[in-house]
Amino acid sequence: MVVSSQTDIEKIHEEDYFKKLLQALLNIQGKYETFVTLDTSDTYKIQRAERVFAYELYHQYRCLMHNTDQMILNGELYKDTSIFDKLNGFKCYPDLVLHSDYTETSPILQYFICEIKMAHNPNLLSDFTKLQKIKQTGLKFKYNIFICLGLSMQELKQKLSEQQKYVVHEMDIVCICKKNGVVEYSYLN
């Protein structure tokens, strides 16, 4: 599904929290997706900035939430002595988590967990493993979301098909891609 405006979002049959995520993605300006560096040969290079993008996504989503909202949006959450301990030593700090609180495990109150990667990242698909391990803990997030910045959905699916070790049909993941201001999402299950 391609989403490029508020009108597109209003037409889709998804829950409000998910629609807000799509709107937040559309609201992010390109300047939060890249930064310029100077390499050793004094050449300027434009690079994608995953952390800057994640912080701006957090900000845009929070701007769309109501003050009376019962859910909490956390960035890079580390649940030190709670549900993430079930990962048996596997370190995971999800980029975004929308849930009711830090210790709640009820599937009704665990809305989404989100991992974000840039297209150029050599570990682009490693977050699928993270999402799969989190799902194996018994945590029942309504949405397990993988956001990829810089690839279209078709390009991401091509990368997935080239990486046979990622068995995405067993993961039940929502992939969201943003490239050139266009947001696309697809369920991989």
C-alpha atoms as a PDB file:
ATOM      1  CA  MET A   1       0.000   0.000   0.000  1.00  0.00           C
ATOM      2  CA  VAL A   2       1.423   3.394  -1.042  1.00  0.00           C
ATOM      3  CA  VAL A   3       0.716   6.347   1.237  1.00  0.00           C
ATOM      4  CA  SER A   4       1.646   9.874   0.200  1.00  0.00           C
ATOM      5  CA  SER A   5      -0.915  12.116   1.938  1.00  0.00           C
ATOM      6  CA  GLN A   6      -3.297  12.435   4.867  1.00  0.00           C
ATOM      7  CA  THR A   7      -6.118  11.568   2.454  1.00  0.00           C
ATOM      8  CA  ASP A   8      -4.429   8.250   1.635  1.00  0.00           C
ATOM      9  CA  ILE A   9      -4.070   7.483   5.341  1.00  0.00           C
ATOM     10  CA  GLU A  10      -7.749   8.198   6.013  1.00  0.00           C
ATOM     11  CA  LYS A  11      -8.729   5.648   3.344  1.00  0.00           C
ATOM     12  CA  ILE A  12      -6.793   2.697   4.731  1.00  0.00           C
ATOM     13  CA  HIS A  13      -8.336   0.159   7.084  1.00  0.00           C
ATOM     14  CA  GLU A  14      -5.806   0.169   9.914  1.00  0.00           C
ATOM     15  CA  GLU A  15      -6.013   1.148  13.555  1.00  0.00           C
ATOM     16  CA  ASP A  16      -5.454   4.732  14.652  1.00  0.00           C
ATOM     17  CA  TYR A  17      -2.050   4.092  16.260  1.00  0.00           C
ATOM     18  CA  PHE A  18      -0.754   2.583  13.034  1.00  0.00           C
ATOM     19  CA  LYS A  19      -2.181   5.433  10.958  1.00  0.00           C
ATOM     20  CA  LYS A  20      -0.383   7.891  13.242  1.00  0.00           C
ATOM     21  CA  LEU A  21       2.896   6.104  12.549  1.00  0.00           C
ATOM     22  CA  LEU A  22       2.352   6.463   8.798  1.00  0.00           C
ATOM     23  CA  GLN A  23       1.459  10.142   9.224  1.00  0.00           C
ATOM     24  CA  ALA A  24       4.539  10.727  11.391  1.00  0.00           C
ATOM     25  CA  LEU A  25       6.693   9.158   8.658  1.00  0.00           C
ATOM     26  CA  LEU A  26       5.155  11.452   6.047  1.00  0.00           C
ATOM     27  CA  ASN A  27       5.747  14.474   8.291  1.00  0.00           C
ATOM     28  CA  ILE A  28       9.519  13.897   8.480  1.00  0.00           C
ATOM     29  CA  GLN A  29      11.430  16.310   6.283  1.00  0.00           C
ATOM     30  CA  GLY A  30      14.322  15.093   4.165  1.00  0.00           C
ATOM     31  CA  LYS A  31      16.848  17.015   6.270  1.00  0.00           C
ATOM     32  CA  TYR A  32      16.266  14.483   9.064  1.00  0.00           C
ATOM     33  CA  GLU A  33      17.066  11.576   6.776  1.00  0.00           C
ATOM     34  CA  THR A  34      20.594  12.555   5.734  1.00  0.00           C
ATOM     35  CA  PHE A  35      23.643  14.442   6.941  1.00  0.00           C
ATOM     36  CA  VAL A  36      26.840  15.630   5.284  1.00  0.00           C
ATOM     37  CA  THR A  37      30.296  14.443   6.335  1.00  0.00           C
ATOM     38  CA  LEU A  38      33.778  15.237   5.153  1.00  0.00           C
ATOM     39  CA  ASP A  39      35.870  12.162   4.375  1.00  0.00           C
ATOM     40  CA  THR A  40      39.664  11.828   4.576  1.00  0.00           C
ATOM     41  CA  SER A  41      40.108  13.200   1.042  1.00  0.00           C
ATOM     42  CA  ASP A  42      38.148  16.370   1.927  1.00  0.00           C
ATOM     43  CA  THR A  43      35.183  15.213  -0.138  1.00  0.00           C
ATOM     44  CA  TYR A  44      31.695  15.888   1.156  1.00  0.00           C
ATOM     45  CA  LYS A  45      29.529  12.803   1.409  1.00  0.00           C
ATOM     46  CA  ILE A  46      25.822  12.641   2.100  1.00  0.00           C
ATOM     47  CA  GLN A  47      24.987   9.864   4.529  1.00  0.00           C
ATOM     48  CA  ARG A  48      21.748   8.608   5.967  1.00  0.00           C
ATOM     49  CA  ALA A  49      21.343   9.208   9.672  1.00  0.00           C
ATOM     50  CA  GLU A  50      19.378   6.396  11.306  1.00  0.00           C
ATOM     51  CA  ARG A  51      19.464   7.787  14.840  1.00  0.00           C
ATOM     52  CA  VAL A  52      18.512  11.326  13.767  1.00  0.00           C
ATOM     53  CA  PHE A  53      15.650   9.876  11.740  1.00  0.00           C
ATOM     54  CA  ALA A  54      14.479   7.724  14.673  1.00  0.00           C
ATOM     55  CA  TYR A  55      14.455  10.706  17.033  1.00  0.00           C
ATOM     56  CA  GLU A  56      12.498  12.784  14.537  1.00  0.00           C
ATOM     57  CA  LEU A  57      10.031   9.918  14.027  1.00  0.00           C
ATOM     58  CA  TYR A  58       9.591   9.755  17.801  1.00  0.00           C
ATOM     59  CA  HIS A  59       8.980  13.528  17.896  1.00  0.00           C
ATOM     60  CA  GLN A  60       6.514  13.490  14.992  1.00  0.00           C
ATOM     61  CA  TYR A  61       4.586  10.584  16.505  1.00  0.00           C
ATOM     62  CA  ARG A  62       4.417  12.257  19.932  1.00  0.00           C
ATOM     63  CA  CYS A  63       3.047  15.407  18.259  1.00  0.00           C
ATOM     64  CA  LEU A  64       0.167  13.292  16.920  1.00  0.00           C
ATOM     65  CA  MET A  65      -0.626  11.620  20.256  1.00  0.00           C
ATOM     66  CA  HIS A  66      -3.221  13.107  22.577  1.00  0.00           C
ATOM     67  CA  ASN A  67      -2.293  14.146  26.117  1.00  0.00           C
ATOM     68  CA  THR A  68      -4.988  11.787  27.398  1.00  0.00           C
ATOM     69  CA  ASP A  69      -3.598   8.837  25.465  1.00  0.00           C
ATOM     70  CA  GLN A  70      -3.029   5.793  27.700  1.00  0.00           C
ATOM     71  CA  MET A  71      -0.162   4.465  25.598  1.00  0.00           C
ATOM     72  CA  ILE A  72       3.499   5.406  26.051  1.00  0.00           C
ATOM     73  CA  LEU A  73       5.946   5.813  23.177  1.00  0.00           C
ATOM     74  CA  ASN A  74       9.524   4.946  24.119  1.00  0.00           C
ATOM     75  CA  GLY A  75      12.666   5.195  22.046  1.00  0.00           C
ATOM     76  CA  GLU A  76      15.550   2.741  22.402  1.00  0.00           C
ATOM     77  CA  LEU A  77      13.838   1.129  25.329  1.00  0.00           C
ATOM     78  CA  TYR A  78      15.864  -1.028  27.649  1.00  0.00           C
ATOM     79  CA  LYS A  79      13.572  -2.993  29.918  1.00  0.00           C
ATOM     80  CA  ASP A  80      16.313  -3.950  32.345  1.00  0.00           C
ATOM     81  CA  THR A  81      14.430  -6.154  34.784  1.00  0.00           C
ATOM     82  CA  SER A  82      11.250  -6.873  32.943  1.00  0.00           C
ATOM     83  CA  ILE A  83       9.958  -8.513  29.805  1.00  0.00           C
ATOM     84  CA  PHE A  84      13.065  -8.114  27.658  1.00  0.00           C
ATOM     85  CA  ASP A  85      14.989 -10.323  30.090  1.00  0.00           C
ATOM     86  CA  LYS A  86      13.221 -13.205  28.351  1.00  0.00           C
ATOM     87  CA  LEU A  87      15.577 -12.749  25.409  1.00  0.00           C
ATOM     88  CA  ASN A  88      18.142 -14.987  27.144  1.00  0.00           C
ATOM     89  CA  GLY A  89      21.169 -12.754  26.748  1.00  0.00           C
ATOM     90  CA  PHE A  90      20.245 -11.438  23.314  1.00  0.00           C
ATOM     91  CA  LYS A  91      20.715  -7.656  23.455  1.00  0.00           C
ATOM     92  CA  CYS A  92      17.875  -5.720  21.956  1.00  0.00           C
ATOM     93  CA  TYR A  93      17.011  -2.064  22.331  1.00  0.00           C
ATOM     94  CA  PRO A  94      14.035  -1.484  20.029  1.00  0.00           C
ATOM     95  CA  ASP A  95      14.069   1.843  18.225  1.00  0.00           C
ATOM     96  CA  LEU A  96      10.436   2.528  19.162  1.00  0.00           C
ATOM     97  CA  VAL A  97       7.943   0.788  21.422  1.00  0.00           C
ATOM     98  CA  LEU A  98       4.326   1.841  21.866  1.00  0.00           C
ATOM     99  CA  HIS A  99       2.840   0.175  24.947  1.00  0.00           C
ATOM    100  CA  SER A 100       0.975   0.887  28.170  1.00  0.00           C
ATOM    101  CA  ASP A 101       3.963   0.761  30.543  1.00  0.00           C
ATOM    102  CA  TYR A 102       7.400  -0.721  31.187  1.00  0.00           C
ATOM    103  CA  THR A 103       6.297  -3.985  32.772  1.00  0.00           C
ATOM    104  CA  GLU A 104       3.023  -4.788  31.029  1.00  0.00           C
ATOM    105  CA  THR A 105       2.952  -7.996  28.997  1.00  0.00           C
ATOM    106  CA  SER A 106      -0.715  -8.174  28.014  1.00  0.00           C
ATOM    107  CA  PRO A 107      -1.093  -8.356  24.228  1.00  0.00           C
ATOM    108  CA  ILE A 108      -3.874  -5.778  24.394  1.00  0.00           C
ATOM    109  CA  LEU A 109      -1.492  -3.233  25.894  1.00  0.00           C
ATOM    110  CA  GLN A 110       1.594  -3.956  23.754  1.00  0.00           C
ATOM    111  CA  TYR A 111       0.826  -2.107  20.563  1.00  0.00           C
ATOM    112  CA  PHE A 112       3.955  -2.017  18.421  1.00  0.00           C
ATOM    113  CA  ILE A 113       7.653  -2.623  18.479  1.00  0.00           C
ATOM    114  CA  CYS A 114       9.697  -1.023  15.744  1.00  0.00           C
ATOM    115  CA  GLU A 115      13.185  -1.423  14.328  1.00  0.00           C
ATOM    116  CA  ILE A 116      14.594   1.138  11.880  1.00  0.00           C
ATOM    117  CA  LYS A 117      17.375   0.651   9.353  1.00  0.00           C
ATOM    118  CA  MET A 118      18.865   2.716   6.553  1.00  0.00           C
ATOM    119  CA  ALA A 119      19.179   1.157   3.101  1.00  0.00           C
ATOM    120  CA  HIS A 120      22.978   1.447   3.091  1.00  0.00           C
ATOM    121  CA  ASN A 121      23.398  -0.362   6.421  1.00  0.00           C
ATOM    122  CA  PRO A 122      25.356  -3.600   5.856  1.00  0.00           C
ATOM    123  CA  ASN A 123      23.277  -5.198   8.640  1.00  0.00           C
ATOM    124  CA  LEU A 124      20.031  -4.101   7.032  1.00  0.00           C
ATOM    125  CA  LEU A 125      18.232  -7.367   7.633  1.00  0.00           C
ATOM    126  CA  SER A 126      19.561  -8.129  11.122  1.00  0.00           C
ATOM    127  CA  ASP A 127      16.585  -6.377  12.683  1.00  0.00           C
ATOM    128  CA  PHE A 128      14.331  -9.102  11.306  1.00  0.00           C
ATOM    129  CA  THR A 129      16.197 -11.468  13.638  1.00  0.00           C
ATOM    130  CA  LYS A 130      15.608  -9.084  16.548  1.00  0.00           C
ATOM    131  CA  LEU A 131      11.893  -8.880  15.817  1.00  0.00           C
ATOM    132  CA  GLN A 132      11.694 -12.660  15.499  1.00  0.00           C
ATOM    133  CA  LYS A 133      13.479 -13.205  18.836  1.00  0.00           C
ATOM    134  CA  ILE A 134      11.193 -10.724  20.556  1.00  0.00           C
ATOM    135  CA  LYS A 135       8.182 -12.546  19.167  1.00  0.00           C
ATOM    136  CA  GLN A 136       9.581 -15.885  20.412  1.00  0.00           C
ATOM    137  CA  THR A 137       9.629 -14.520  23.981  1.00  0.00           C
ATOM    138  CA  GLY A 138       5.855 -14.623  24.049  1.00  0.00           C
ATOM    139  CA  LEU A 139       5.491 -10.852  23.934  1.00  0.00           C
ATOM    140  CA  LYS A 140       2.480 -10.220  21.810  1.00  0.00           C
ATOM    141  CA  PHE A 141       2.869  -6.867  20.158  1.00  0.00           C
ATOM    142  CA  LYS A 142       0.014  -6.161  17.805  1.00  0.00           C
ATOM    143  CA  TYR A 143       2.500  -4.942  15.198  1.00  0.00           C
ATOM    144  CA  ASN A 144       6.126  -6.008  14.731  1.00  0.00           C
ATOM    145  CA  ILE A 145       7.371  -3.228  12.450  1.00  0.00           C
ATOM    146  CA  PHE A 146      10.491  -2.936  10.328  1.00  0.00           C
ATOM    147  CA  ILE A 147      11.081   0.520   8.826  1.00  0.00           C
ATOM    148  CA  CYS A 148      13.577   0.879   6.001  1.00  0.00           C
ATOM    149  CA  LEU A 149      14.640   4.321   4.857  1.00  0.00           C
ATOM    150  CA  GLY A 150      15.973   4.663   1.328  1.00  0.00           C
ATOM    151  CA  LEU A 151      14.449   1.604  -0.343  1.00  0.00           C
ATOM    152  CA  SER A 152      11.116   1.102  -2.046  1.00  0.00           C
ATOM    153  CA  MET A 153       9.039  -1.893  -0.998  1.00  0.00           C
ATOM    154  CA  GLN A 154      10.003  -3.679  -4.213  1.00  0.00           C
ATOM    155  CA  GLU A 155      13.710  -3.079  -3.518  1.00  0.00           C
ATOM    156  CA  LEU A 156      13.378  -4.321   0.064  1.00  0.00           C
ATOM    157  CA  LYS A 157      11.566  -7.471  -1.050  1.00  0.00           C
ATOM    158  CA  GLN A 158      14.342  -8.082  -3.580  1.00  0.00           C
ATOM    159  CA  LYS A 159      16.953  -7.861  -0.795  1.00  0.00           C
ATOM    160  CA  LEU A 160      14.887 -10.236   1.310  1.00  0.00           C
ATOM    161  CA  SER A 161      14.639 -12.758  -1.501  1.00  0.00           C
ATOM    162  CA  GLU A 162      18.436 -12.608  -1.942  1.00  0.00           C
ATOM    163  CA  GLN A 163      18.928 -13.360   1.762  1.00  0.00           C
ATOM    164  CA  GLN A 164      17.515 -16.879   2.042  1.00  0.00           C
ATOM    165  CA  LYS A 165      18.349 -17.131   5.749  1.00  0.00           C
ATOM    166  CA  TYR A 166      15.564 -14.666   6.525  1.00  0.00           C
ATOM    167  CA  VAL A 167      12.351 -16.639   6.454  1.00  0.00           C
ATOM    168  CA  VAL A 168      10.006 -13.686   6.569  1.00  0.00           C
ATOM    169  CA  HIS A 169       6.804 -15.651   6.010  1.00  0.00           C
ATOM    170  CA  GLU A 170       7.144 -17.017   9.540  1.00  0.00           C
ATOM    171  CA  MET A 171       7.740 -13.638  11.176  1.00  0.00           C
ATOM    172  CA  ASP A 172       4.475 -11.751  10.749  1.00  0.00           C
ATOM    173  CA  ILE A 173       6.172  -8.381  10.244  1.00  0.00           C
ATOM    174  CA  VAL A 174       4.858  -5.144   8.830  1.00  0.00           C
ATOM    175  CA  CYS A 175       7.497  -3.591   6.583  1.00  0.00           C
ATOM    176  CA  ILE A 176       7.348   0.128   6.001  1.00  0.00           C
ATOM    177  CA  CYS A 177       9.617   1.738   3.426  1.00  0.00           C
ATOM    178  CA  LYS A 178      10.226   5.427   2.861  1.00  0.00           C
ATOM    179  CA  LYS A 179      12.045   6.609  -0.220  1.00  0.00           C
ATOM    180  CA  ASN A 180      11.902  10.030  -1.852  1.00  0.00           C
ATOM    181  CA  GLY A 181       8.998  11.133   0.346  1.00  0.00           C
ATOM    182  CA  VAL A 182       6.830   8.121  -0.510  1.00  0.00           C
ATOM    183  CA  VAL A 183       5.790   5.727   2.254  1.00  0.00           C
ATOM    184  CA  GLU A 184       4.791   2.144   1.441  1.00  0.00           C
ATOM    185  CA  TYR A 185       3.811  -0.661   3.765  1.00  0.00           C
ATOM    186  CA  SER A 186       3.218  -4.357   3.367  1.00  0.00           C
ATOM    187  CA  TYR A 187       2.539  -7.287   5.678  1.00  0.00           C
ATOM    188  CA  LEU A 188       5.116 -10.048   5.443  1.00  0.00           C
ATOM    189  CA  ASN A 189       3.521 -13.184   6.853  1.00  0.00           C
END
